[in-house]
Amino acid sequence: MKSDKSLNQIRALFEAISTISDADWNFFKDHLQYDEYNKGDLLTSIGEIENYMYFVVKGIVRTFYYNSIQEYTLDFRLPVSPIVS
């Protein structure tokens, strides 16, 4: 993972919903992988099934869907936000 600050922010997301034990948090964070993406990169291609959960640490992510005619923006995700599909 990139930084302790990012990890603390992600843990705070969980803690806002329910407490998480140190053991559970350590298990979860040991499975996190830090990746960087450039503007315009797709996390999941059209028609692909998503198998991961993402957290925005820096920047903005736009979620959208495409109905073969037009693209529709669903929302924008800001730091620190989870992304799931």
C-alpha atoms as a PDB file:
ATOM      1  CA  MET A   1       0.000   0.000   0.000  1.00  0.00           C
ATOM      2  CA  LYS A   2       1.194   3.502  -0.735  1.00  0.00           C
ATOM      3  CA  SER A   3       1.054   5.171   2.698  1.00  0.00           C
ATOM      4  CA  ASP A   4      -0.051   4.790   6.275  1.00  0.00           C
ATOM      5  CA  LYS A   5      -2.318   7.817   5.787  1.00  0.00           C
ATOM      6  CA  SER A   6      -4.179   6.022   2.986  1.00  0.00           C
ATOM      7  CA  LEU A   7      -4.520   2.892   5.105  1.00  0.00           C
ATOM      8  CA  ASN A   8      -5.835   4.908   8.039  1.00  0.00           C
ATOM      9  CA  GLN A   9      -8.394   6.598   5.782  1.00  0.00           C
ATOM     10  CA  ILE A  10      -9.577   3.264   4.413  1.00  0.00           C
ATOM     11  CA  ARG A  11      -9.847   1.810   7.905  1.00  0.00           C
ATOM     12  CA  ALA A  12     -11.860   4.862   8.979  1.00  0.00           C
ATOM     13  CA  LEU A  13     -14.383   4.013   6.229  1.00  0.00           C
ATOM     14  CA  PHE A  14     -14.916   0.606   7.813  1.00  0.00           C
ATOM     15  CA  GLU A  15     -14.949   2.012  11.347  1.00  0.00           C
ATOM     16  CA  ALA A  16     -17.703   4.473  10.358  1.00  0.00           C
ATOM     17  CA  ILE A  17     -19.944   1.458   9.750  1.00  0.00           C
ATOM     18  CA  SER A  18     -18.742  -1.027  12.349  1.00  0.00           C
ATOM     19  CA  THR A  19     -15.708  -1.638  14.497  1.00  0.00           C
ATOM     20  CA  ILE A  20     -13.076  -3.897  13.026  1.00  0.00           C
ATOM     21  CA  SER A  21     -10.599  -5.770  15.184  1.00  0.00           C
ATOM     22  CA  ASP A  22      -6.894  -5.246  14.662  1.00  0.00           C
ATOM     23  CA  ALA A  23      -6.583  -8.890  13.604  1.00  0.00           C
ATOM     24  CA  ASP A  24      -9.326  -8.530  10.979  1.00  0.00           C
ATOM     25  CA  TRP A  25      -7.916  -5.217   9.759  1.00  0.00           C
ATOM     26  CA  ASN A  26      -4.415  -6.673   9.455  1.00  0.00           C
ATOM     27  CA  PHE A  27      -5.782  -9.620   7.464  1.00  0.00           C
ATOM     28  CA  PHE A  28      -7.665  -7.252   5.140  1.00  0.00           C
ATOM     29  CA  LYS A  29      -4.840  -4.751   4.637  1.00  0.00           C
ATOM     30  CA  ASP A  30      -2.375  -7.570   3.900  1.00  0.00           C
ATOM     31  CA  HIS A  31      -4.501  -8.301   0.820  1.00  0.00           C
ATOM     32  CA  LEU A  32      -4.589  -4.726  -0.462  1.00  0.00           C
ATOM     33  CA  GLN A  33      -2.598  -3.903  -3.561  1.00  0.00           C
ATOM     34  CA  TYR A  34      -1.669  -0.372  -4.590  1.00  0.00           C
ATOM     35  CA  ASP A  35      -2.051   0.475  -8.270  1.00  0.00           C
ATOM     36  CA  GLU A  36      -1.932   3.777 -10.125  1.00  0.00           C
ATOM     37  CA  TYR A  37      -4.074   4.660 -13.125  1.00  0.00           C
ATOM     38  CA  ASN A  38      -3.911   7.497 -15.613  1.00  0.00           C
ATOM     39  CA  LYS A  39      -6.754   9.758 -16.690  1.00  0.00           C
ATOM     40  CA  GLY A  40      -8.921   7.839 -19.153  1.00  0.00           C
ATOM     41  CA  ASP A  41      -7.855   4.366 -17.983  1.00  0.00           C
ATOM     42  CA  LEU A  42     -10.669   1.871 -17.473  1.00  0.00           C
ATOM     43  CA  LEU A  43     -10.792  -0.216 -14.314  1.00  0.00           C
ATOM     44  CA  THR A  44     -13.265  -2.616 -15.909  1.00  0.00           C
ATOM     45  CA  SER A  45     -13.983  -2.897 -19.617  1.00  0.00           C
ATOM     46  CA  ILE A  46     -17.497  -2.994 -21.026  1.00  0.00           C
ATOM     47  CA  GLY A  47     -18.893  -6.520 -20.672  1.00  0.00           C
ATOM     48  CA  GLU A  48     -16.192  -7.604 -18.225  1.00  0.00           C
ATOM     49  CA  ILE A  49     -17.201  -8.972 -14.820  1.00  0.00           C
ATOM     50  CA  GLU A  50     -15.510  -7.092 -11.979  1.00  0.00           C
ATOM     51  CA  ASN A  51     -13.736  -9.240  -9.404  1.00  0.00           C
ATOM     52  CA  TYR A  52     -12.172  -6.527  -7.264  1.00  0.00           C
ATOM     53  CA  MET A  53     -13.020  -3.702  -4.914  1.00  0.00           C
ATOM     54  CA  TYR A  54     -11.162  -0.420  -5.340  1.00  0.00           C
ATOM     55  CA  PHE A  55     -10.477   2.530  -3.072  1.00  0.00           C
ATOM     56  CA  VAL A  56      -9.808   5.971  -4.502  1.00  0.00           C
ATOM     57  CA  VAL A  57      -6.791   7.355  -2.634  1.00  0.00           C
ATOM     58  CA  LYS A  58      -6.016  10.294  -4.903  1.00  0.00           C
ATOM     59  CA  GLY A  59      -7.885  11.795  -7.843  1.00  0.00           C
ATOM     60  CA  ILE A  60     -11.430  11.230  -9.065  1.00  0.00           C
ATOM     61  CA  VAL A  61     -13.104   8.180 -10.616  1.00  0.00           C
ATOM     62  CA  ARG A  62     -16.195   8.417 -12.807  1.00  0.00           C
ATOM     63  CA  THR A  63     -18.522   5.420 -12.819  1.00  0.00           C
ATOM     64  CA  PHE A  64     -20.712   4.962 -15.868  1.00  0.00           C
ATOM     65  CA  TYR A  65     -22.603   2.467 -17.953  1.00  0.00           C
ATOM     66  CA  TYR A  66     -23.072   2.158 -21.683  1.00  0.00           C
ATOM     67  CA  ASN A  67     -26.232   0.866 -23.346  1.00  0.00           C
ATOM     68  CA  SER A  68     -24.735   0.410 -26.864  1.00  0.00           C
ATOM     69  CA  ILE A  69     -26.121   3.797 -27.896  1.00  0.00           C
ATOM     70  CA  GLN A  70     -25.083   6.232 -25.200  1.00  0.00           C
ATOM     71  CA  GLU A  71     -22.815   6.458 -22.165  1.00  0.00           C
ATOM     72  CA  TYR A  72     -24.441   7.454 -18.846  1.00  0.00           C
ATOM     73  CA  THR A  73     -22.474   8.810 -15.889  1.00  0.00           C
ATOM     74  CA  LEU A  74     -23.644   7.306 -12.599  1.00  0.00           C
ATOM     75  CA  ASP A  75     -21.438   9.225 -10.180  1.00  0.00           C
ATOM     76  CA  PHE A  76     -17.997  10.510  -9.334  1.00  0.00           C
ATOM     77  CA  ARG A  77     -15.919   8.953  -6.560  1.00  0.00           C
ATOM     78  CA  LEU A  78     -13.550  11.146  -4.564  1.00  0.00           C
ATOM     79  CA  PRO A  79     -10.804  10.219  -2.089  1.00  0.00           C
ATOM     80  CA  VAL A  80     -11.244   8.145   0.053  1.00  0.00           C
ATOM     81  CA  SER A  81     -14.168   6.256  -1.518  1.00  0.00           C
ATOM     82  CA  PRO A  82     -14.772   2.591  -2.239  1.00  0.00           C
ATOM     83  CA  ILE A  83     -15.684   1.478  -5.755  1.00  0.00           C
ATOM     84  CA  VAL A  84     -17.621  -1.717  -6.333  1.00  0.00           C
ATOM     85  CA  SER A  85     -19.774  -2.887  -9.195  1.00  0.00           C
END
